[in-house]
């Protein structure tokens, strides 16, 4: 089922006073297990309680990087003996090192 259609059902169930658990159970019973989760329903119910009844997707995305890729590449290439944990610490890169993946 399309997300936009299921969101209308979330709002309908919210306005009926149905609980988060009941809403998730009802939707999954009709549209199949895994159609929604209690966490998803709960997030939408929070929006509705706050008066936000917009059913549109909110823009998401990755935050802009604060590290200059060219500078970081130069550092990595200039001293390959330097360990990745030290470089992550110096440049505030997360422990997963995702920023390094496309540079190496």
N, C-alpha and C. Protein backbone atom coordinates (compact mmCIF):
# COMPACT_ATOMS: atom_id res chain seq x y z
N UNK A 1 0.84 -1.18 0.00
CA UNK A 1 0.00 0.00 0.00
C UNK A 1 0.89 1.24 0.00
N UNK A 2 0.45 2.26 -0.71
CA UNK A 2 1.21 3.50 -0.78
C UNK A 2 1.24 4.19 0.58
N UNK A 3 2.38 4.80 0.88
CA UNK A 3 2.54 5.48 2.17
C UNK A 3 1.51 6.58 2.36
N UNK A 4 1.21 7.31 1.29
CA UNK A 4 0.27 8.42 1.42
C UNK A 4 -1.12 7.92 1.82
N UNK A 5 -1.49 6.74 1.35
CA UNK A 5 -2.80 6.19 1.70
C UNK A 5 -2.82 5.68 3.14
N UNK A 6 -1.76 5.05 3.55
CA UNK A 6 -1.72 4.52 4.91
C UNK A 6 -1.69 5.65 5.94
N UNK A 7 -1.12 6.78 5.57
CA UNK A 7 -1.08 7.93 6.48
C UNK A 7 -2.47 8.48 6.74
N UNK A 8 -3.33 8.40 5.74
CA UNK A 8 -4.73 8.81 5.93
C UNK A 8 -5.39 7.91 6.97
N UNK A 9 -5.05 6.63 6.92
CA UNK A 9 -5.59 5.69 7.91
C UNK A 9 -5.07 6.03 9.30
N UNK A 10 -3.79 6.40 9.41
CA UNK A 10 -3.25 6.81 10.71
C UNK A 10 -4.07 7.96 11.28
N UNK A 11 -4.32 8.97 10.44
CA UNK A 11 -5.09 10.12 10.91
C UNK A 11 -6.50 9.72 11.30
N UNK A 12 -7.13 8.89 10.50
CA UNK A 12 -8.49 8.41 10.79
C UNK A 12 -8.52 7.71 12.15
N UNK A 13 -7.60 6.79 12.36
CA UNK A 13 -7.57 6.04 13.62
C UNK A 13 -7.27 6.97 14.79
N UNK A 14 -6.40 7.94 14.59
CA UNK A 14 -6.09 8.91 15.64
C UNK A 14 -7.34 9.68 16.03
N UNK A 15 -8.08 10.16 15.04
CA UNK A 15 -9.29 10.95 15.31
C UNK A 15 -10.38 10.10 15.96
N UNK A 16 -10.37 8.80 15.71
CA UNK A 16 -11.32 7.89 16.35
C UNK A 16 -10.95 7.62 17.80
N UNK A 17 -9.71 7.92 18.17
CA UNK A 17 -9.26 7.65 19.53
C UNK A 17 -8.66 6.27 19.71
N UNK A 18 -8.35 5.63 18.60
CA UNK A 18 -7.73 4.31 18.64
C UNK A 18 -6.30 4.44 19.16
N UNK A 19 -5.86 3.47 19.95
CA UNK A 19 -4.49 3.52 20.48
C UNK A 19 -3.49 3.18 19.38
N UNK A 20 -2.24 3.48 19.67
CA UNK A 20 -1.16 3.18 18.73
C UNK A 20 -1.11 1.68 18.45
N UNK A 21 -1.16 0.88 19.50
CA UNK A 21 -1.09 -0.58 19.34
C UNK A 21 -2.26 -1.11 18.52
N UNK A 22 -3.45 -0.63 18.84
CA UNK A 22 -4.64 -1.08 18.10
C UNK A 22 -4.55 -0.68 16.63
N UNK A 23 -4.08 0.53 16.38
CA UNK A 23 -3.96 1.01 15.00
C UNK A 23 -2.99 0.13 14.22
N UNK A 24 -1.83 -0.13 14.78
CA UNK A 24 -0.85 -0.98 14.10
C UNK A 24 -1.42 -2.37 13.86
N UNK A 25 -2.08 -2.92 14.86
CA UNK A 25 -2.66 -4.26 14.73
C UNK A 25 -3.73 -4.29 13.65
N UNK A 26 -4.61 -3.28 13.63
CA UNK A 26 -5.68 -3.22 12.63
C UNK A 26 -5.13 -3.12 11.21
N UNK A 27 -4.16 -2.25 11.02
CA UNK A 27 -3.59 -2.05 9.69
C UNK A 27 -2.89 -3.33 9.21
N UNK A 28 -2.12 -3.94 10.09
CA UNK A 28 -1.42 -5.17 9.72
C UNK A 28 -2.38 -6.32 9.47
N UNK A 29 -3.51 -6.34 10.17
CA UNK A 29 -4.50 -7.40 9.95
C UNK A 29 -5.14 -7.28 8.58
N UNK A 30 -5.37 -6.05 8.14
CA UNK A 30 -6.05 -5.83 6.86
C UNK A 30 -5.07 -5.87 5.69
N UNK A 31 -3.93 -5.22 5.83
CA UNK A 31 -3.01 -5.06 4.70
C UNK A 31 -1.80 -5.99 4.75
N UNK A 32 -1.69 -6.80 5.77
CA UNK A 32 -0.60 -7.75 5.87
C UNK A 32 0.43 -7.35 6.91
N UNK A 33 0.98 -8.37 7.55
CA UNK A 33 2.02 -8.13 8.56
C UNK A 33 3.17 -7.35 7.94
N UNK A 34 3.66 -6.39 8.70
CA UNK A 34 4.77 -5.58 8.22
C UNK A 34 4.35 -4.34 7.45
N UNK A 35 3.04 -4.14 7.32
CA UNK A 35 2.56 -2.94 6.62
C UNK A 35 2.89 -1.68 7.40
N UNK A 36 2.92 -1.80 8.73
CA UNK A 36 3.28 -0.68 9.58
C UNK A 36 3.86 -1.24 10.87
N UNK A 37 4.39 -0.35 11.69
CA UNK A 37 4.90 -0.73 13.00
C UNK A 37 4.32 0.19 14.05
N UNK A 38 4.37 -0.25 15.31
CA UNK A 38 3.90 0.62 16.39
C UNK A 38 4.73 1.89 16.46
N UNK A 39 6.02 1.78 16.18
CA UNK A 39 6.89 2.96 16.22
C UNK A 39 6.47 3.99 15.18
N UNK A 40 6.16 3.53 13.97
CA UNK A 40 5.73 4.45 12.91
C UNK A 40 4.41 5.10 13.27
N UNK A 41 3.45 4.29 13.72
CA UNK A 41 2.15 4.83 14.12
C UNK A 41 2.35 5.83 15.25
N UNK A 42 3.18 5.48 16.21
CA UNK A 42 3.44 6.37 17.34
C UNK A 42 4.01 7.71 16.92
N UNK A 43 4.94 7.69 15.97
CA UNK A 43 5.52 8.94 15.47
C UNK A 43 4.47 9.82 14.82
N UNK A 44 3.58 9.20 14.03
CA UNK A 44 2.52 9.98 13.40
C UNK A 44 1.53 10.51 14.44
N UNK A 45 1.20 9.71 15.44
CA UNK A 45 0.28 10.17 16.49
C UNK A 45 0.87 11.35 17.26
N UNK A 46 2.18 11.35 17.47
CA UNK A 46 2.83 12.49 18.13
C UNK A 46 2.64 13.74 17.29
N UNK A 47 2.84 13.63 15.97
CA UNK A 47 2.62 14.79 15.09
C UNK A 47 1.19 15.29 15.21
N UNK A 48 0.24 14.35 15.17
CA UNK A 48 -1.17 14.74 15.24
C UNK A 48 -1.49 15.40 16.58
N UNK A 49 -0.96 14.86 17.68
CA UNK A 49 -1.19 15.47 19.00
C UNK A 49 -0.63 16.88 19.07
N UNK A 50 0.46 17.12 18.32
CA UNK A 50 1.06 18.46 18.28
C UNK A 50 0.35 19.39 17.32
N UNK A 51 -0.72 18.90 16.69
CA UNK A 51 -1.49 19.73 15.77
C UNK A 51 -1.00 19.69 14.34
N UNK A 52 -0.02 18.87 14.05
CA UNK A 52 0.52 18.77 12.69
C UNK A 52 -0.18 17.62 11.97
N UNK A 53 -1.12 17.98 11.09
CA UNK A 53 -1.86 16.98 10.34
C UNK A 53 -1.41 16.90 8.89
N UNK A 54 -0.25 17.46 8.59
CA UNK A 54 0.31 17.35 7.25
C UNK A 54 0.74 15.91 7.03
N UNK A 55 0.32 15.33 5.93
CA UNK A 55 0.66 13.94 5.64
C UNK A 55 1.79 13.83 4.62
N UNK A 56 2.39 14.96 4.28
CA UNK A 56 3.47 14.98 3.28
C UNK A 56 4.78 14.53 3.90
N UNK A 57 5.66 14.05 3.05
CA UNK A 57 7.01 13.70 3.50
C UNK A 57 7.76 14.96 3.89
N UNK A 58 8.47 14.88 4.98
CA UNK A 58 9.34 15.98 5.37
C UNK A 58 10.68 15.77 4.67
N UNK A 59 11.29 16.86 4.22
CA UNK A 59 12.59 16.70 3.56
C UNK A 59 13.60 16.12 4.53
N UNK A 60 14.35 15.18 4.04
CA UNK A 60 15.40 14.56 4.83
C UNK A 60 16.67 14.63 4.02
N UNK A 61 17.66 14.04 4.53
CA UNK A 61 18.90 13.97 3.79
C UNK A 61 20.08 14.02 4.71
N UNK A 62 21.17 13.88 4.11
CA UNK A 62 22.41 13.87 4.87
C UNK A 62 22.84 15.31 5.12
N UNK A 63 23.26 15.60 6.34
CA UNK A 63 23.76 16.94 6.60
C UNK A 63 25.02 17.21 5.79
N UNK A 64 25.23 18.46 5.49
CA UNK A 64 26.43 18.81 4.73
C UNK A 64 27.67 18.51 5.56
N UNK A 65 28.67 18.00 4.88
CA UNK A 65 29.91 17.64 5.56
C UNK A 65 30.67 18.89 5.97
N UNK A 66 31.35 18.79 7.10
CA UNK A 66 32.15 19.91 7.58
C UNK A 66 33.62 19.68 7.28
N UNK A 67 33.91 18.58 6.61
CA UNK A 67 35.30 18.24 6.29
C UNK A 67 35.52 18.46 4.80
N UNK A 68 36.62 19.11 4.47
CA UNK A 68 36.99 19.32 3.08
C UNK A 68 37.59 18.02 2.55
N UNK A 69 36.92 17.39 1.61
CA UNK A 69 37.37 16.10 1.08
C UNK A 69 38.78 16.15 0.50
N UNK A 70 39.09 17.22 -0.21
CA UNK A 70 40.42 17.32 -0.82
C UNK A 70 41.51 17.39 0.25
N UNK A 71 41.25 18.17 1.30
CA UNK A 71 42.22 18.27 2.39
C UNK A 71 42.38 16.93 3.10
N UNK A 72 41.27 16.27 3.35
CA UNK A 72 41.31 14.98 4.02
C UNK A 72 42.06 13.94 3.18
N UNK A 73 41.82 13.94 1.89
CA UNK A 73 42.53 13.01 0.99
C UNK A 73 44.04 13.28 1.06
N UNK A 74 44.42 14.56 1.05
CA UNK A 74 45.84 14.91 1.11
C UNK A 74 46.48 14.42 2.41
N UNK A 75 45.77 14.55 3.51
CA UNK A 75 46.28 14.09 4.81
C UNK A 75 46.48 12.58 4.79
N UNK A 76 45.48 11.86 4.28
CA UNK A 76 45.56 10.39 4.23
C UNK A 76 46.72 9.95 3.34
N UNK A 77 46.88 10.59 2.20
CA UNK A 77 47.94 10.20 1.27
C UNK A 77 49.33 10.62 1.75
N UNK A 78 49.42 11.72 2.50
CA UNK A 78 50.73 12.21 2.94
C UNK A 78 51.34 11.36 4.04
N UNK A 79 50.51 10.73 4.86
CA UNK A 79 51.04 9.91 5.95
C UNK A 79 50.19 8.65 6.11
N UNK A 80 50.40 7.66 5.23
CA UNK A 80 49.59 6.44 5.28
C UNK A 80 49.79 5.63 6.55
N UNK A 81 50.88 5.90 7.29
CA UNK A 81 51.13 5.14 8.52
C UNK A 81 50.25 5.61 9.68
N UNK A 82 49.67 6.79 9.52
CA UNK A 82 48.81 7.32 10.58
C UNK A 82 47.54 6.47 10.66
N UNK A 83 47.17 6.08 11.85
CA UNK A 83 46.03 5.17 11.99
C UNK A 83 44.70 5.89 11.75
N UNK A 84 43.75 5.12 11.30
CA UNK A 84 42.41 5.66 11.04
C UNK A 84 41.78 6.23 12.30
N UNK A 85 41.88 5.56 13.48
CA UNK A 85 41.28 6.15 14.68
C UNK A 85 41.84 7.53 15.01
N UNK A 86 43.14 7.73 14.78
CA UNK A 86 43.73 9.05 15.04
C UNK A 86 43.15 10.06 14.06
N UNK A 87 43.04 9.68 12.79
CA UNK A 87 42.48 10.60 11.80
C UNK A 87 41.02 10.92 12.12
N UNK A 88 40.26 9.91 12.54
CA UNK A 88 38.86 10.16 12.90
C UNK A 88 38.78 11.16 14.05
N UNK A 89 39.66 10.98 15.03
CA UNK A 89 39.67 11.89 16.17
C UNK A 89 40.00 13.31 15.72
N UNK A 90 41.01 13.45 14.88
CA UNK A 90 41.43 14.77 14.42
C UNK A 90 40.35 15.49 13.63
N UNK A 91 39.56 14.74 12.87
CA UNK A 91 38.58 15.35 11.99
C UNK A 91 37.13 15.13 12.44
N UNK A 92 36.97 14.63 13.65
CA UNK A 92 35.63 14.40 14.21
C UNK A 92 34.76 13.55 13.29
N UNK A 93 35.33 12.49 12.77
CA UNK A 93 34.61 11.55 11.92
C UNK A 93 33.99 10.50 12.82
N UNK A 94 32.79 10.05 12.50
CA UNK A 94 32.14 9.05 13.36
C UNK A 94 32.91 7.73 13.36
N UNK A 95 32.61 6.91 14.35
CA UNK A 95 33.35 5.67 14.56
C UNK A 95 33.21 4.69 13.40
N UNK A 96 32.17 4.83 12.61
CA UNK A 96 32.00 3.94 11.47
C UNK A 96 32.91 4.32 10.30
N UNK A 97 33.47 5.51 10.34
CA UNK A 97 34.38 5.95 9.30
C UNK A 97 33.74 6.12 7.93
N UNK A 98 32.44 6.35 7.91
CA UNK A 98 31.74 6.46 6.63
C UNK A 98 32.36 7.52 5.73
N UNK A 99 32.86 8.57 6.31
CA UNK A 99 33.41 9.64 5.48
C UNK A 99 34.64 9.17 4.71
N UNK A 100 35.40 8.24 5.28
CA UNK A 100 36.61 7.76 4.63
C UNK A 100 36.33 6.82 3.47
N UNK A 101 35.21 6.14 3.46
CA UNK A 101 34.96 5.08 2.50
C UNK A 101 35.16 5.51 1.05
N UNK A 102 34.65 6.66 0.69
CA UNK A 102 34.76 7.07 -0.71
C UNK A 102 36.10 7.74 -1.03
N UNK A 103 36.93 7.96 -0.01
CA UNK A 103 38.22 8.59 -0.24
C UNK A 103 39.34 7.57 -0.43
N UNK A 104 39.17 6.40 0.10
CA UNK A 104 40.25 5.40 0.06
C UNK A 104 40.08 4.43 -1.07
